[in-house]
Amino acid sequence: QEQLVESGGGSVQAGGSLRLSCAASEFTAGDYYMAWFRQVPGKQREGVACIAKDGTTNYADSVEGRFTISRDIADSTLYLQIHNVQPEDTGMYYCAARRRSPYTSVWFCSRTSSNFQHWGQGTQVTVTT
């Protein structure tokens, strides 16, 4: 069964680095695009980064330059590298996958949560100062 399982969260001091992983079963090699989302209590889930089928990436302005999304197709793993973590990066991080339609360009990915069909259970990141 296809599933997404996040790991790598925890407590990190501001200014440090963290790498989140998502065991992505068949999604990384299949006809999907994928994304990382962040959610804090009382706020909407925010798409912070996505990666298209051809590897094209897209980032939210708030994380551009500090977050890097990548994937290892051989290991079926999606990653989110976070550098210079900031207190506002605190939240639950989810990976998600969306099957690409035949009409969707291979370079396209979305950071809109309603577009995604498959979700992991999340991993918590807490930034301390």
Protein backbone atom coordinates (compact mmCIF):
# COMPACT_ATOMS: atom_id res chain seq x y z
CA GLN A 1 0.00 0.00 0.00
CA GLU A 2 1.32 3.40 -0.93
CA GLN A 3 2.05 5.52 2.11
CA LEU A 4 4.04 8.49 3.31
CA VAL A 5 5.96 8.42 6.60
CA GLU A 6 7.81 11.50 7.84
CA SER A 7 10.77 11.51 10.23
CA GLY A 8 13.59 13.76 11.35
CA GLY A 9 11.66 16.30 13.37
CA GLY A 10 12.63 17.38 16.85
CA SER A 11 13.92 20.30 18.82
CA VAL A 12 16.56 22.48 17.18
CA GLN A 13 18.19 25.70 18.25
CA ALA A 14 17.61 28.80 16.13
CA GLY A 15 20.31 29.14 13.52
CA GLY A 16 20.85 25.41 13.30
CA SER A 17 20.00 22.94 10.55
CA LEU A 18 17.62 20.05 10.22
CA ARG A 19 16.76 17.51 7.58
CA LEU A 20 13.33 15.99 7.37
CA SER A 21 12.74 12.74 5.53
CA CYS A 22 9.62 11.21 4.06
CA ALA A 23 9.59 7.54 3.18
CA ALA A 24 7.50 7.80 0.07
CA SER A 25 6.83 4.21 -1.04
CA GLU A 26 6.08 4.34 -4.77
CA PHE A 27 5.45 8.08 -5.02
CA THR A 28 8.91 9.36 -5.87
CA ALA A 29 9.28 7.11 -8.90
CA GLY A 30 5.68 7.30 -10.00
CA ASP A 31 3.72 9.92 -11.90
CA TYR A 32 3.39 12.29 -8.96
CA TYR A 33 4.54 15.62 -7.76
CA MET A 34 5.25 16.08 -4.08
CA ALA A 35 5.43 18.79 -1.47
CA TRP A 36 6.18 19.67 2.12
CA PHE A 37 3.63 21.53 4.21
CA ARG A 38 3.88 23.21 7.59
CA GLN A 39 1.08 23.79 10.07
CA VAL A 40 0.87 25.51 13.42
CA PRO A 41 -2.19 25.43 15.68
CA GLY A 42 -4.82 27.92 14.63
CA LYS A 43 -3.35 28.52 11.19
CA GLN A 44 -3.89 27.04 7.77
CA ARG A 45 -1.53 24.43 6.45
CA GLU A 46 1.19 26.21 4.45
CA GLY A 47 2.92 24.71 1.46
CA VAL A 48 6.60 25.50 1.92
CA ALA A 49 8.14 23.60 -0.99
CA CYS A 50 7.19 21.32 -3.85
CA ILE A 51 9.03 19.25 -6.42
CA ALA A 52 7.72 18.35 -9.85
CA LYS A 53 8.11 15.09 -11.71
CA ASP A 54 11.10 16.45 -13.65
CA GLY A 55 12.73 17.79 -10.47
CA THR A 56 11.69 21.42 -10.83
CA THR A 57 11.23 22.96 -7.38
CA ASN A 58 9.17 25.81 -6.00
CA TYR A 59 9.32 27.50 -2.60
CA ALA A 60 7.26 29.79 -0.45
CA ASP A 61 8.80 33.26 -0.18
CA SER A 62 9.14 32.80 3.58
CA VAL A 63 11.57 29.89 3.18
CA GLU A 64 13.32 30.67 -0.12
CA GLY A 65 17.07 30.32 0.31
CA ARG A 66 16.84 28.37 3.58
CA PHE A 67 14.80 25.30 2.62
CA THR A 68 15.76 22.74 -0.02
CA ILE A 69 13.40 20.03 -1.21
CA SER A 70 14.92 17.00 -2.90
CA ARG A 71 14.21 13.36 -3.53
CA ASP A 72 16.10 10.12 -3.88
CA ILE A 73 14.15 7.98 -6.29
CA ALA A 74 16.26 4.87 -5.63
CA ASP A 75 15.52 5.11 -1.90
CA SER A 76 11.93 6.30 -2.41
CA THR A 77 12.59 9.21 -0.07
CA LEU A 78 11.62 12.86 -0.14
CA TYR A 79 13.76 15.31 1.86
CA LEU A 80 13.45 18.80 3.24
CA GLN A 81 16.74 20.38 4.29
CA ILE A 82 16.32 23.39 6.54
CA HIS A 83 19.21 25.76 7.16
CA ASN A 84 19.35 28.66 9.60
CA VAL A 85 16.13 27.57 11.28
CA GLN A 86 14.05 30.37 12.72
CA PRO A 87 11.41 30.36 15.49
CA GLU A 88 8.70 30.81 12.86
CA ASP A 89 9.72 27.47 11.35
CA THR A 90 8.18 25.73 14.36
CA GLY A 91 5.27 23.53 13.36
CA MET A 92 4.11 20.13 12.23
CA TYR A 93 5.62 19.22 8.88
CA TYR A 94 3.79 16.97 6.45
CA CYS A 95 4.81 15.49 3.15
CA ALA A 96 2.18 15.03 0.48
CA ALA A 97 1.83 13.56 -2.99
CA ARG A 98 -0.47 14.26 -5.89
CA ARG A 99 -0.89 12.07 -8.96
CA ARG A 100 -0.09 14.12 -12.04
CA SER A 101 -2.85 14.29 -14.64
CA PRO A 102 -2.01 13.72 -18.31
CA TYR A 103 -2.56 17.44 -18.86
CA THR A 104 -0.12 18.59 -16.18
CA SER A 105 3.33 19.59 -17.33
CA VAL A 106 6.23 17.56 -15.96
CA TRP A 107 7.77 20.77 -14.60
CA PHE A 108 4.63 21.74 -12.62
CA CYS A 109 4.08 21.29 -8.91
CA SER A 110 1.66 22.87 -6.47
CA ARG A 111 1.90 24.09 -2.88
CA THR A 112 -1.87 24.23 -2.37
CA SER A 113 -3.00 21.66 0.18
CA SER A 114 -6.38 20.99 -1.44
CA ASN A 115 -4.60 19.66 -4.54
CA PHE A 116 -3.05 16.73 -2.68
CA GLN A 117 -4.52 13.28 -2.29
CA HIS A 118 -1.95 11.54 -0.11
CA TRP A 119 -0.59 12.73 3.22
CA GLY A 120 1.78 11.52 5.88
CA GLN A 121 1.11 11.72 9.60
CA GLY A 122 3.54 14.60 10.17
CA THR A 123 6.69 15.25 12.15
CA GLN A 124 7.00 18.05 14.70
CA VAL A 125 9.75 20.66 14.48
CA THR A 126 10.30 22.95 17.46
CA VAL A 127 12.81 25.77 17.24
CA THR A 128 14.28 27.02 20.51
CA THR A 129 16.04 30.32 21.19
